Amino acid sequence: MKRLRVDEDIRPMSEFRTGIASFLKQIHDTKRPLIITQHGKGVAVLMDAGEYEAMQERIELLQDIQTSTSQIEAGQGIDHIRAKARVLKRIKK
């Protein structure tokens, strides 16, 4: 996901209501999210569906890495040689 541009990507709800098609085109073209405000406070984020899916995949990968790191720190990991042997054993079945 591209970095937000404060001057272009934060819009009030009233402006969003009247120009929804142009804002959808903007997020599709720029791949940047759009923050929608109400009474001067951010209330929603609109983003490209593909960018959202990619973000979810990155979050899942980071969670898996964090889980793995915690397991290794807790002594639940196995060394490379044993891991490789287990994988090869499963492949041969």
PDB file of N, CA and C in Angstrom:
ATOM      1  N   MET A   1       0.843  -1.170   0.000  1.00  0.00           N
ATOM      2  CA  MET A   1       0.000   0.000   0.000  1.00  0.00           C
ATOM      3  C   MET A   1       0.890   1.235   0.000  1.00  0.00           C
ATOM      4  N   LYS A   2       0.517   2.193  -0.818  1.00  0.00           N
ATOM      5  CA  LYS A   2       1.297   3.414  -0.892  1.00  0.00           C
ATOM      6  C   LYS A   2       1.003   4.307   0.301  1.00  0.00           C
ATOM      7  N   ARG A   3       1.947   5.186   0.581  1.00  0.00           N
ATOM      8  CA  ARG A   3       1.832   6.095   1.714  1.00  0.00           C
ATOM      9  C   ARG A   3       0.735   7.130   1.467  1.00  0.00           C
ATOM     10  N   LEU A   4       0.003   7.417   2.508  1.00  0.00           N
ATOM     11  CA  LEU A   4      -1.079   8.389   2.486  1.00  0.00           C
ATOM     12  C   LEU A   4      -0.544   9.792   2.230  1.00  0.00           C
ATOM     13  N   ARG A   5      -1.240  10.567   1.420  1.00  0.00           N
ATOM     14  CA  ARG A   5      -0.920  11.979   1.204  1.00  0.00           C
ATOM     15  C   ARG A   5      -2.003  12.797   1.899  1.00  0.00           C
ATOM     16  N   VAL A   6      -1.638  13.447   2.981  1.00  0.00           N
ATOM     17  CA  VAL A   6      -2.600  14.145   3.827  1.00  0.00           C
ATOM     18  C   VAL A   6      -3.425  15.154   3.031  1.00  0.00           C
ATOM     19  N   ASP A   7      -2.798  15.884   2.121  1.00  0.00           N
ATOM     20  CA  ASP A   7      -3.523  16.912   1.378  1.00  0.00           C
ATOM     21  C   ASP A   7      -4.487  16.357   0.335  1.00  0.00           C
ATOM     22  N   GLU A   8      -4.340  15.096  -0.038  1.00  0.00           N
ATOM     23  CA  GLU A   8      -5.192  14.508  -1.077  1.00  0.00           C
ATOM     24  C   GLU A   8      -6.081  13.380  -0.569  1.00  0.00           C
ATOM     25  N   ASP A   9      -5.699  12.743   0.516  1.00  0.00           N
ATOM     26  CA  ASP A   9      -6.346  11.487   0.902  1.00  0.00           C
ATOM     27  C   ASP A   9      -7.171  11.554   2.184  1.00  0.00           C
ATOM     28  N   ILE A  10      -7.464  12.735   2.652  1.00  0.00           N
ATOM     29  CA  ILE A  10      -8.357  12.894   3.798  1.00  0.00           C
ATOM     30  C   ILE A  10      -9.485  13.810   3.359  1.00  0.00           C
ATOM     31  N   ARG A  11     -10.699  13.290   3.399  1.00  0.00           N
ATOM     32  CA  ARG A  11     -11.853  14.034   2.898  1.00  0.00           C
ATOM     33  C   ARG A  11     -13.014  13.968   3.888  1.00  0.00           C
ATOM     34  N   PRO A  12     -13.770  15.058   3.994  1.00  0.00           N
ATOM     35  CA  PRO A  12     -14.946  15.038   4.868  1.00  0.00           C
ATOM     36  C   PRO A  12     -16.073  14.205   4.257  1.00  0.00           C
ATOM     37  N   MET A  13     -16.936  13.689   5.104  1.00  0.00           N
ATOM     38  CA  MET A  13     -18.053  12.851   4.679  1.00  0.00           C
ATOM     39  C   MET A  13     -18.916  13.577   3.645  1.00  0.00           C
ATOM     40  N   SER A  14     -19.166  14.867   3.845  1.00  0.00           N
ATOM     41  CA  SER A  14     -20.025  15.608   2.912  1.00  0.00           C
ATOM     42  C   SER A  14     -19.424  15.614   1.509  1.00  0.00           C
ATOM     43  N   GLU A  15     -18.130  15.785   1.403  1.00  0.00           N
ATOM     44  CA  GLU A  15     -17.447  15.772   0.111  1.00  0.00           C
ATOM     45  C   GLU A  15     -17.457  14.363  -0.485  1.00  0.00           C
ATOM     46  N   PHE A  16     -17.309  13.368   0.366  1.00  0.00           N
ATOM     47  CA  PHE A  16     -17.313  11.980  -0.091  1.00  0.00           C
ATOM     48  C   PHE A  16     -18.679  11.611  -0.673  1.00  0.00           C
ATOM     49  N   ARG A  17     -19.760  12.017   0.004  1.00  0.00           N
ATOM     50  CA  ARG A  17     -21.111  11.697  -0.472  1.00  0.00           C
ATOM     51  C   ARG A  17     -21.365  12.220  -1.887  1.00  0.00           C
ATOM     52  N   THR A  18     -20.901  13.425  -2.149  1.00  0.00           N
ATOM     53  CA  THR A  18     -21.188  14.025  -3.454  1.00  0.00           C
ATOM     54  C   THR A  18     -20.231  13.568  -4.551  1.00  0.00           C
ATOM     55  N   GLY A  19     -19.090  13.034  -4.181  1.00  0.00           N
ATOM     56  CA  GLY A  19     -18.111  12.652  -5.196  1.00  0.00           C
ATOM     57  C   GLY A  19     -17.618  11.236  -5.087  1.00  0.00           C
ATOM     58  N   ILE A  20     -18.481  10.311  -4.674  1.00  0.00           N
ATOM     59  CA  ILE A  20     -18.043   8.939  -4.404  1.00  0.00           C
ATOM     60  C   ILE A  20     -17.380   8.289  -5.619  1.00  0.00           C
ATOM     61  N   ALA A  21     -17.912   8.503  -6.811  1.00  0.00           N
ATOM     62  CA  ALA A  21     -17.332   7.867  -8.000  1.00  0.00           C
ATOM     63  C   ALA A  21     -15.903   8.355  -8.231  1.00  0.00           C
ATOM     64  N   SER A  22     -15.667   9.645  -8.052  1.00  0.00           N
ATOM     65  CA  SER A  22     -14.309  10.164  -8.278  1.00  0.00           C
ATOM     66  C   SER A  22     -13.351   9.660  -7.201  1.00  0.00           C
ATOM     67  N   PHE A  23     -13.848   9.482  -5.978  1.00  0.00           N
ATOM     68  CA  PHE A  23     -12.980   8.968  -4.918  1.00  0.00           C
ATOM     69  C   PHE A  23     -12.652   7.494  -5.132  1.00  0.00           C
ATOM     70  N   LEU A  24     -13.627   6.728  -5.623  1.00  0.00           N
ATOM     71  CA  LEU A  24     -13.351   5.325  -5.945  1.00  0.00           C
ATOM     72  C   LEU A  24     -12.303   5.237  -7.056  1.00  0.00           C
ATOM     73  N   LYS A  25     -12.404   6.111  -8.048  1.00  0.00           N
ATOM     74  CA  LYS A  25     -11.410   6.144  -9.116  1.00  0.00           C
ATOM     75  C   LYS A  25     -10.042   6.525  -8.547  1.00  0.00           C
ATOM     76  N   GLN A  26     -10.021   7.483  -7.636  1.00  0.00           N
ATOM     77  CA  GLN A  26      -8.758   7.918  -7.029  1.00  0.00           C
ATOM     78  C   GLN A  26      -8.067   6.773  -6.307  1.00  0.00           C
ATOM     79  N   ILE A  27      -8.806   6.018  -5.480  1.00  0.00           N
ATOM     80  CA  ILE A  27      -8.144   4.930  -4.752  1.00  0.00           C
ATOM     81  C   ILE A  27      -7.729   3.807  -5.684  1.00  0.00           C
ATOM     82  N   HIS A  28      -8.494   3.601  -6.741  1.00  0.00           N
ATOM     83  CA  HIS A  28      -8.118   2.574  -7.715  1.00  0.00           C
ATOM     84  C   HIS A  28      -6.836   2.982  -8.455  1.00  0.00           C
ATOM     85  N   ASP A  29      -6.767   4.241  -8.877  1.00  0.00           N
ATOM     86  CA  ASP A  29      -5.621   4.723  -9.655  1.00  0.00           C
ATOM     87  C   ASP A  29      -4.355   4.878  -8.820  1.00  0.00           C
ATOM     88  N   THR A  30      -4.496   5.399  -7.607  1.00  0.00           N
ATOM     89  CA  THR A  30      -3.314   5.705  -6.789  1.00  0.00           C
ATOM     90  C   THR A  30      -2.897   4.557  -5.881  1.00  0.00           C
ATOM     91  N   LYS A  31      -3.820   3.641  -5.595  1.00  0.00           N
ATOM     92  CA  LYS A  31      -3.591   2.537  -4.652  1.00  0.00           C
ATOM     93  C   LYS A  31      -3.356   3.044  -3.224  1.00  0.00           C
ATOM     94  N   ARG A  32      -3.738   4.304  -2.977  1.00  0.00           N
ATOM     95  CA  ARG A  32      -3.623   4.867  -1.634  1.00  0.00           C
ATOM     96  C   ARG A  32      -4.989   4.850  -0.974  1.00  0.00           C
ATOM     97  N   PRO A  33      -5.036   4.643   0.327  1.00  0.00           N
ATOM     98  CA  PRO A  33      -6.323   4.676   1.021  1.00  0.00           C
ATOM     99  C   PRO A  33      -6.853   6.102   1.118  1.00  0.00           C
ATOM    100  N   LEU A  34      -8.147   6.209   1.362  1.00  0.00           N
ATOM    101  CA  LEU A  34      -8.797   7.496   1.551  1.00  0.00           C
ATOM    102  C   LEU A  34      -9.410   7.499   2.943  1.00  0.00           C
ATOM    103  N   ILE A  35      -9.077   8.500   3.722  1.00  0.00           N
ATOM    104  CA  ILE A  35      -9.642   8.609   5.065  1.00  0.00           C
ATOM    105  C   ILE A  35     -10.834   9.540   4.996  1.00  0.00           C
ATOM    106  N   ILE A  36     -11.954   9.085   5.517  1.00  0.00           N
ATOM    107  CA  ILE A  36     -13.174   9.867   5.522  1.00  0.00           C
ATOM    108  C   ILE A  36     -13.390  10.401   6.936  1.00  0.00           C
ATOM    109  N   THR A  37     -13.630  11.706   7.027  1.00  0.00           N
ATOM    110  CA  THR A  37     -13.816  12.328   8.342  1.00  0.00           C
ATOM    111  C   THR A  37     -15.261  12.760   8.529  1.00  0.00           C
ATOM    112  N   GLN A  38     -15.635  12.850   9.788  1.00  0.00           N
ATOM    113  CA  GLN A  38     -16.950  13.359  10.152  1.00  0.00           C
ATOM    114  C   GLN A  38     -16.746  14.227  11.381  1.00  0.00           C
ATOM    115  N   HIS A  39     -17.160  15.459  11.296  1.00  0.00           N
ATOM    116  CA  HIS A  39     -16.948  16.431  12.377  1.00  0.00           C
ATOM    117  C   HIS A  39     -15.468  16.555  12.727  1.00  0.00           C
ATOM    118  N   GLY A  40     -14.622  16.479  11.697  1.00  0.00           N
ATOM    119  CA  GLY A  40     -13.189  16.674  11.873  1.00  0.00           C
ATOM    120  C   GLY A  40     -12.421  15.483  12.406  1.00  0.00           C
ATOM    121  N   LYS A  41     -13.089  14.355  12.571  1.00  0.00           N
ATOM    122  CA  LYS A  41     -12.420  13.152  13.086  1.00  0.00           C
ATOM    123  C   LYS A  41     -12.520  12.025  12.066  1.00  0.00           C
ATOM    124  N   GLY A  42     -11.441  11.247  11.954  1.00  0.00           N
ATOM    125  CA  GLY A  42     -11.442  10.107  11.045  1.00  0.00           C
ATOM    126  C   GLY A  42     -12.446   9.064  11.497  1.00  0.00           C
ATOM    127  N   VAL A  43     -13.335   8.640  10.574  1.00  0.00           N
ATOM    128  CA  VAL A  43     -14.346   7.642  10.915  1.00  0.00           C
ATOM    129  C   VAL A  43     -14.263   6.382  10.055  1.00  0.00           C
ATOM    130  N   ALA A  44     -13.594   6.479   8.902  1.00  0.00           N
ATOM    131  CA  ALA A  44     -13.527   5.308   8.029  1.00  0.00           C
ATOM    132  C   ALA A  44     -12.329   5.425   7.095  1.00  0.00           C
ATOM    133  N   VAL A  45     -11.903   4.270   6.592  1.00  0.00           N
ATOM    134  CA  VAL A  45     -10.837   4.223   5.598  1.00  0.00           C
ATOM    135  C   VAL A  45     -11.375   3.433   4.415  1.00  0.00           C
ATOM    136  N   LEU A  46     -11.252   4.021   3.241  1.00  0.00           N
ATOM    137  CA  LEU A  46     -11.666   3.364   2.007  1.00  0.00           C
ATOM    138  C   LEU A  46     -10.399   3.024   1.232  1.00  0.00           C
ATOM    139  N   MET A  47     -10.282   1.755   0.831  1.00  0.00           N
ATOM    140  CA  MET A  47      -9.067   1.373   0.114  1.00  0.00           C
ATOM    141  C   MET A  47      -9.381   0.377  -0.988  1.00  0.00           C
ATOM    142  N   ASP A  48      -8.471   0.280  -1.939  1.00  0.00           N
ATOM    143  CA  ASP A  48      -8.581  -0.645  -3.049  1.00  0.00           C
ATOM    144  C   ASP A  48      -8.658  -2.076  -2.519  1.00  0.00           C
ATOM    145  N   ALA A  49      -9.555  -2.873  -3.077  1.00  0.00           N
ATOM    146  CA  ALA A  49      -9.751  -4.241  -2.603  1.00  0.00           C
ATOM    147  C   ALA A  49      -8.479  -5.084  -2.718  1.00  0.00           C
ATOM    148  N   GLY A  50      -7.750  -4.937  -3.803  1.00  0.00           N
ATOM    149  CA  GLY A  50      -6.506  -5.687  -3.979  1.00  0.00           C
ATOM    150  C   GLY A  50      -5.461  -5.294  -2.951  1.00  0.00           C
ATOM    151  N   GLU A  51      -5.379  -4.002  -2.658  1.00  0.00           N
ATOM    152  CA  GLU A  51      -4.454  -3.523  -1.634  1.00  0.00           C
ATOM    153  C   GLU A  51      -4.845  -4.059  -0.260  1.00  0.00           C
ATOM    154  N   TYR A  52      -6.145  -4.137  -0.002  1.00  0.00           N
ATOM    155  CA  TYR A  52      -6.629  -4.676   1.273  1.00  0.00           C
ATOM    156  C   TYR A  52      -6.229  -6.149   1.421  1.00  0.00           C
ATOM    157  N   GLU A  53      -6.437  -6.930   0.370  1.00  0.00           N
ATOM    158  CA  GLU A  53      -6.068  -8.347   0.408  1.00  0.00           C
ATOM    159  C   GLU A  53      -4.569  -8.515   0.632  1.00  0.00           C
ATOM    160  N   ALA A  54      -3.767  -7.716  -0.056  1.00  0.00           N
ATOM    161  CA  ALA A  54      -2.309  -7.788   0.110  1.00  0.00           C
ATOM    162  C   ALA A  54      -1.911  -7.435   1.537  1.00  0.00           C
ATOM    163  N   MET A  55      -2.575  -6.436   2.107  1.00  0.00           N
ATOM    164  CA  MET A  55      -2.290  -6.038   3.484  1.00  0.00           C
ATOM    165  C   MET A  55      -2.641  -7.175   4.455  1.00  0.00           C
ATOM    166  N   GLN A  56      -3.763  -7.834   4.224  1.00  0.00           N
ATOM    167  CA  GLN A  56      -4.155  -8.952   5.074  1.00  0.00           C
ATOM    168  C   GLN A  56      -3.137 -10.085   4.998  1.00  0.00           C
ATOM    169  N   GLU A  57      -2.632 -10.371   3.812  1.00  0.00           N
ATOM    170  CA  GLU A  57      -1.620 -11.421   3.653  1.00  0.00           C
ATOM    171  C   GLU A  57      -0.340 -11.058   4.400  1.00  0.00           C
ATOM    172  N   ARG A  58       0.063  -9.791   4.332  1.00  0.00           N
ATOM    173  CA  ARG A  58       1.264  -9.359   5.056  1.00  0.00           C
ATOM    174  C   ARG A  58       1.057  -9.480   6.564  1.00  0.00           C
ATOM    175  N   ILE A  59      -0.114  -9.126   7.035  1.00  0.00           N
ATOM    176  CA  ILE A  59      -0.415  -9.235   8.469  1.00  0.00           C
ATOM    177  C   ILE A  59      -0.345 -10.695   8.908  1.00  0.00           C
ATOM    178  N   GLU A  60      -0.935 -11.595   8.121  1.00  0.00           N
ATOM    179  CA  GLU A  60      -0.894 -13.023   8.460  1.00  0.00           C
ATOM    180  C   GLU A  60       0.533 -13.543   8.502  1.00  0.00           C
ATOM    181  N   LEU A  61       1.351 -13.125   7.544  1.00  0.00           N
ATOM    182  CA  LEU A  61       2.751 -13.551   7.518  1.00  0.00           C
ATOM    183  C   LEU A  61       3.487 -13.042   8.756  1.00  0.00           C
ATOM    184  N   LEU A  62       3.269 -11.792   9.116  1.00  0.00           N
ATOM    185  CA  LEU A  62       3.917 -11.237  10.314  1.00  0.00           C
ATOM    186  C   LEU A  62       3.455 -11.966  11.578  1.00  0.00           C
ATOM    187  N   GLN A  63       2.181 -12.327  11.638  1.00  0.00           N
ATOM    188  CA  GLN A  63       1.681 -13.084  12.790  1.00  0.00           C
ATOM    189  C   GLN A  63       2.334 -14.463  12.855  1.00  0.00           C
ATOM    190  N   ASP A  64       2.499 -15.105  11.697  1.00  0.00           N
ATOM    191  CA  ASP A  64       3.170 -16.416  11.669  1.00  0.00           C
ATOM    192  C   ASP A  64       4.616 -16.294  12.132  1.00  0.00           C
ATOM    193  N   ILE A  65       5.299 -15.244  11.696  1.00  0.00           N
ATOM    194  CA  ILE A  65       6.682 -15.028  12.121  1.00  0.00           C
ATOM    195  C   ILE A  65       6.751 -14.803  13.623  1.00  0.00           C
ATOM    196  N   GLN A  66       5.817 -14.017  14.145  1.00  0.00           N
ATOM    197  CA  GLN A  66       5.797 -13.752  15.585  1.00  0.00           C
ATOM    198  C   GLN A  66       5.533 -15.040  16.371  1.00  0.00           C
ATOM    199  N   THR A  67       4.601 -15.854  15.895  1.00  0.00           N
ATOM    200  CA  THR A  67       4.317 -17.134  16.555  1.00  0.00           C
ATOM    201  C   THR A  67       5.549 -18.027  16.535  1.00  0.00           C
ATOM    202  N   SER A  68       6.211 -18.113  15.383  1.00  0.00           N
ATOM    203  CA  SER A  68       7.413 -18.938  15.252  1.00  0.00           C
ATOM    204  C   SER A  68       8.517 -18.464  16.191  1.00  0.00           C
ATOM    205  N   THR A  69       8.712 -17.157  16.245  1.00  0.00           N
ATOM    206  CA  THR A  69       9.744 -16.600  17.121  1.00  0.00           C
ATOM    207  C   THR A  69       9.445 -16.926  18.581  1.00  0.00           C
ATOM    208  N   SER A  70       8.193 -16.792  18.970  1.00  0.00           N
ATOM    209  CA  SER A  70       7.804 -17.112  20.355  1.00  0.00           C
ATOM    210  C   SER A  70       8.033 -18.587  20.668  1.00  0.00           C
ATOM    211  N   GLN A  71       7.702 -19.450  19.712  1.00  0.00           N
ATOM    212  CA  GLN A  71       7.892 -20.886  19.920  1.00  0.00           C
ATOM    213  C   GLN A  71       9.373 -21.225  20.052  1.00  0.00           C
ATOM    214  N   ILE A  72      10.209 -20.615  19.231  1.00  0.00           N
ATOM    215  CA  ILE A  72      11.656 -20.872  19.320  1.00  0.00           C
ATOM    216  C   ILE A  72      12.196 -20.388  20.654  1.00  0.00           C
ATOM    217  N   GLU A  73      11.761 -19.182  21.070  1.00  0.00           N
ATOM    218  CA  GLU A  73      12.221 -18.643  22.349  1.00  0.00           C
ATOM    219  C   GLU A  73      11.767 -19.504  23.528  1.00  0.00           C
ATOM    220  N   ALA A  74      10.654 -20.206  23.369  1.00  0.00           N
ATOM    221  CA  ALA A  74      10.144 -21.078  24.430  1.00  0.00           C
ATOM    222  C   ALA A  74      10.744 -22.482  24.349  1.00  0.00           C
ATOM    223  N   GLY A  75      11.693 -22.680  23.432  1.00  0.00           N
ATOM    224  CA  GLY A  75      12.350 -23.974  23.319  1.00  0.00           C
ATOM    225  C   GLY A  75      11.534 -25.012  22.579  1.00  0.00           C
ATOM    226  N   GLN A  76      10.553 -24.592  21.812  1.00  0.00           N
ATOM    227  CA  GLN A  76       9.687 -25.530  21.101  1.00  0.00           C
ATOM    228  C   GLN A  76      10.136 -25.797  19.664  1.00  0.00           C
ATOM    229  N   GLY A  77      11.212 -25.180  19.249  1.00  0.00           N
ATOM    230  CA  GLY A  77      11.694 -25.365  17.885  1.00  0.00           C
ATOM    231  C   GLY A  77      12.539 -26.621  17.761  1.00  0.00           C
ATOM    232  N   ILE A  78      12.818 -26.994  16.512  1.00  0.00           N
ATOM    233  CA  ILE A  78      13.724 -28.112  16.259  1.00  0.00           C
ATOM    234  C   ILE A  78      14.815 -27.610  15.307  1.00  0.00           C
ATOM    235  N   ASP A  79      15.953 -28.283  15.324  1.00  0.00           N
ATOM    236  CA  ASP A  79      17.060 -27.831  14.485  1.00  0.00           C
ATOM    237  C   ASP A  79      16.795 -28.167  13.012  1.00  0.00           C
ATOM    238  N   HIS A  80      17.583 -27.583  12.158  1.00  0.00           N
ATOM    239  CA  HIS A  80      17.403 -27.695  10.713  1.00  0.00           C
ATOM    240  C   HIS A  80      17.460 -29.142  10.230  1.00  0.00           C
ATOM    241  N   ILE A  81      18.401 -29.899  10.720  1.00  0.00           N
ATOM    242  CA  ILE A  81      18.575 -31.285  10.255  1.00  0.00           C
ATOM    243  C   ILE A  81      17.330 -32.117  10.555  1.00  0.00           C
ATOM    244  N   ARG A  82      16.795 -32.004  11.780  1.00  0.00           N
ATOM    245  CA  ARG A  82      15.582 -32.760  12.119  1.00  0.00           C
ATOM    246  C   ARG A  82      14.371 -32.259  11.330  1.00  0.00           C
ATOM    247  N   ALA A  83      14.266 -30.960  11.124  1.00  0.00           N
ATOM    248  CA  ALA A  83      13.145 -30.409  10.351  1.00  0.00           C
ATOM    249  C   ALA A  83      13.191 -30.920   8.916  1.00  0.00           C
ATOM    250  N   LYS A  84      14.372 -30.900   8.326  1.00  0.00           N
ATOM    251  CA  LYS A  84      14.534 -31.371   6.954  1.00  0.00           C
ATOM    252  C   LYS A  84      14.175 -32.851   6.853  1.00  0.00           C
ATOM    253  N   ALA A  85      14.619 -33.639   7.830  1.00  0.00           N
ATOM    254  CA  ALA A  85      14.312 -35.075   7.828  1.00  0.00           C
ATOM    255  C   ALA A  85      12.806 -35.310   7.905  1.00  0.00           C
ATOM    256  N   ARG A  86      12.119 -34.552   8.721  1.00  0.00           N
ATOM    257  CA  ARG A  86      10.660 -34.697   8.849  1.00  0.00           C
ATOM    258  C   ARG A  86       9.964 -34.355   7.531  1.00  0.00           C
ATOM    259  N   VAL A  87      10.390 -33.275   6.898  1.00  0.00           N
ATOM    260  CA  VAL A  87       9.762 -32.868   5.640  1.00  0.00           C
ATOM    261  C   VAL A  87      10.015 -33.935   4.576  1.00  0.00           C
ATOM    262  N   LEU A  88      11.245 -34.400   4.467  1.00  0.00           N
ATOM    263  CA  LEU A  88      11.541 -35.417   3.453  1.00  0.00           C
ATOM    264  C   LEU A  88      10.777 -36.710   3.708  1.00  0.00           C
ATOM    265  N   LYS A  89      10.607 -37.066   4.963  1.00  0.00           N
ATOM    266  CA  LYS A  89       9.867 -38.275   5.305  1.00  0.00           C
ATOM    267  C   LYS A  89       8.397 -38.143   4.855  1.00  0.00           C
ATOM    268  N   ARG A  90       7.818 -36.971   5.058  1.00  0.00           N
ATOM    269  CA  ARG A  90       6.419 -36.759   4.632  1.00  0.00           C
ATOM    270  C   ARG A  90       6.279 -36.757   3.121  1.00  0.00           C
ATOM    271  N   ILE A  91       7.269 -36.221   2.439  1.00  0.00           N
ATOM    272  CA  ILE A  91       7.219 -36.164   0.977  1.00  0.00           C
ATOM    273  C   ILE A  91       7.295 -37.556   0.374  1.00  0.00           C
ATOM    274  N   LYS A  92       8.077 -38.441   0.962  1.00  0.00           N
ATOM    275  CA  LYS A  92       8.287 -39.792   0.426  1.00  0.00           C
ATOM    276  C   LYS A  92       7.070 -40.693   0.590  1.00  0.00           C
ATOM    277  N   LYS A  93       6.138 -40.340   1.458  1.00  0.00           N
ATOM    278  CA  LYS A  93       4.973 -41.203   1.690  1.00  0.00           C
ATOM    279  C   LYS A  93       4.048 -41.217   0.515  1.00  0.00           C
TER     280      LYS A  93
END
